[in-house]
Amino acid sequence: MKIALVFEKKTSNHGVYTDMAWGGLVKTPIYNKKIPLGSAERARIENRYQAESLNRAVGQGTPSVQNPIGNPCN
């Protein structure tokens, strides 16, 4: 059971890290090809990237709202 909890904790943010990776590719041809304009996925990725970059919630009042999970660098 303990191993499962450790595994769950390590993998629970996989989607966040994937969104951050895609967020770094915004405005590139591969991003525009793989992530459709106007899609919920695109809104989530871009909101996640902005939330972490600005250290504040982005997209409030929408299904794609994202809150920062990281700590700002000092």
Protein backbone atom coordinates (compact mmCIF):
# COMPACT_ATOMS: atom_id res chain seq x y z
CA MET A 1 0.00 0.00 0.00
CA LYS A 2 2.80 2.43 0.89
CA ILE A 3 4.44 1.88 -2.52
CA ALA A 4 1.16 2.71 -4.25
CA LEU A 5 0.85 5.95 -2.28
CA VAL A 6 4.40 6.99 -3.16
CA PHE A 7 3.78 6.16 -6.82
CA GLU A 8 0.50 8.10 -6.81
CA LYS A 9 2.16 11.15 -5.28
CA LYS A 10 4.97 11.10 -7.86
CA THR A 11 2.65 10.67 -10.84
CA SER A 12 -0.29 12.84 -9.77
CA ASN A 13 1.28 15.95 -11.32
CA HIS A 14 2.18 14.28 -14.63
CA GLY A 15 -0.48 16.29 -16.47
CA VAL A 16 0.82 19.54 -14.98
CA TYR A 17 4.34 18.80 -16.19
CA THR A 18 3.08 17.78 -19.61
CA ASP A 19 1.11 21.03 -19.86
CA MET A 20 4.20 23.00 -18.83
CA ALA A 21 6.26 21.27 -21.51
CA TRP A 22 3.66 22.07 -24.16
CA GLY A 23 3.40 25.62 -22.79
CA GLY A 24 7.05 26.11 -23.62
CA LEU A 25 6.25 25.26 -27.24
CA VAL A 26 3.44 27.81 -27.73
CA LYS A 27 3.71 29.58 -31.10
CA THR A 28 5.78 26.76 -32.61
CA PRO A 29 4.60 24.79 -35.65
CA ILE A 30 4.35 21.50 -33.71
CA TYR A 31 2.22 23.12 -31.00
CA ASN A 32 -0.14 24.61 -33.57
CA LYS A 33 -0.36 21.26 -35.36
CA LYS A 34 -0.94 19.07 -32.27
CA ILE A 35 -3.01 21.38 -30.03
CA PRO A 36 -6.08 22.68 -31.93
CA LEU A 37 -6.88 26.39 -31.76
CA GLY A 38 -9.93 26.98 -29.57
CA SER A 39 -9.74 23.57 -27.88
CA ALA A 40 -10.17 23.04 -24.15
CA GLU A 41 -6.75 21.39 -24.15
CA ARG A 42 -5.11 24.50 -25.57
CA ALA A 43 -6.84 26.76 -23.03
CA ARG A 44 -5.75 24.48 -20.18
CA ILE A 45 -2.13 24.35 -21.36
CA GLU A 46 -1.86 28.09 -21.89
CA ASN A 47 -3.59 28.88 -18.59
CA ARG A 48 -1.33 26.43 -16.73
CA TYR A 49 1.80 27.96 -18.23
CA GLN A 50 0.65 31.48 -17.36
CA ALA A 51 -0.42 30.49 -13.84
CA GLU A 52 3.03 29.10 -13.09
CA SER A 53 4.80 32.00 -14.82
CA LEU A 54 2.79 34.68 -13.01
CA ASN A 55 2.28 32.74 -9.75
CA ARG A 56 -1.45 33.45 -9.72
CA ALA A 57 -4.68 31.83 -10.88
CA VAL A 58 -5.47 32.21 -14.58
CA GLY A 59 -8.78 31.57 -16.32
CA GLN A 60 -11.04 32.19 -13.33
CA GLY A 61 -14.69 31.61 -14.13
CA THR A 62 -13.91 29.12 -16.91
CA PRO A 63 -13.58 25.33 -16.98
CA SER A 64 -9.89 25.84 -17.79
CA VAL A 65 -8.97 27.74 -14.60
CA GLN A 66 -5.47 26.86 -13.40
CA ASN A 67 -3.84 27.67 -10.08
CA PRO A 68 -0.08 27.63 -9.60
CA ILE A 69 1.28 24.59 -7.82
CA GLY A 70 4.93 25.61 -7.73
CA ASN A 71 6.75 28.04 -5.50
CA PRO A 72 8.22 31.20 -7.03
CA CYS A 73 12.00 31.45 -7.27
CA ASN A 74 13.61 33.96 -4.95
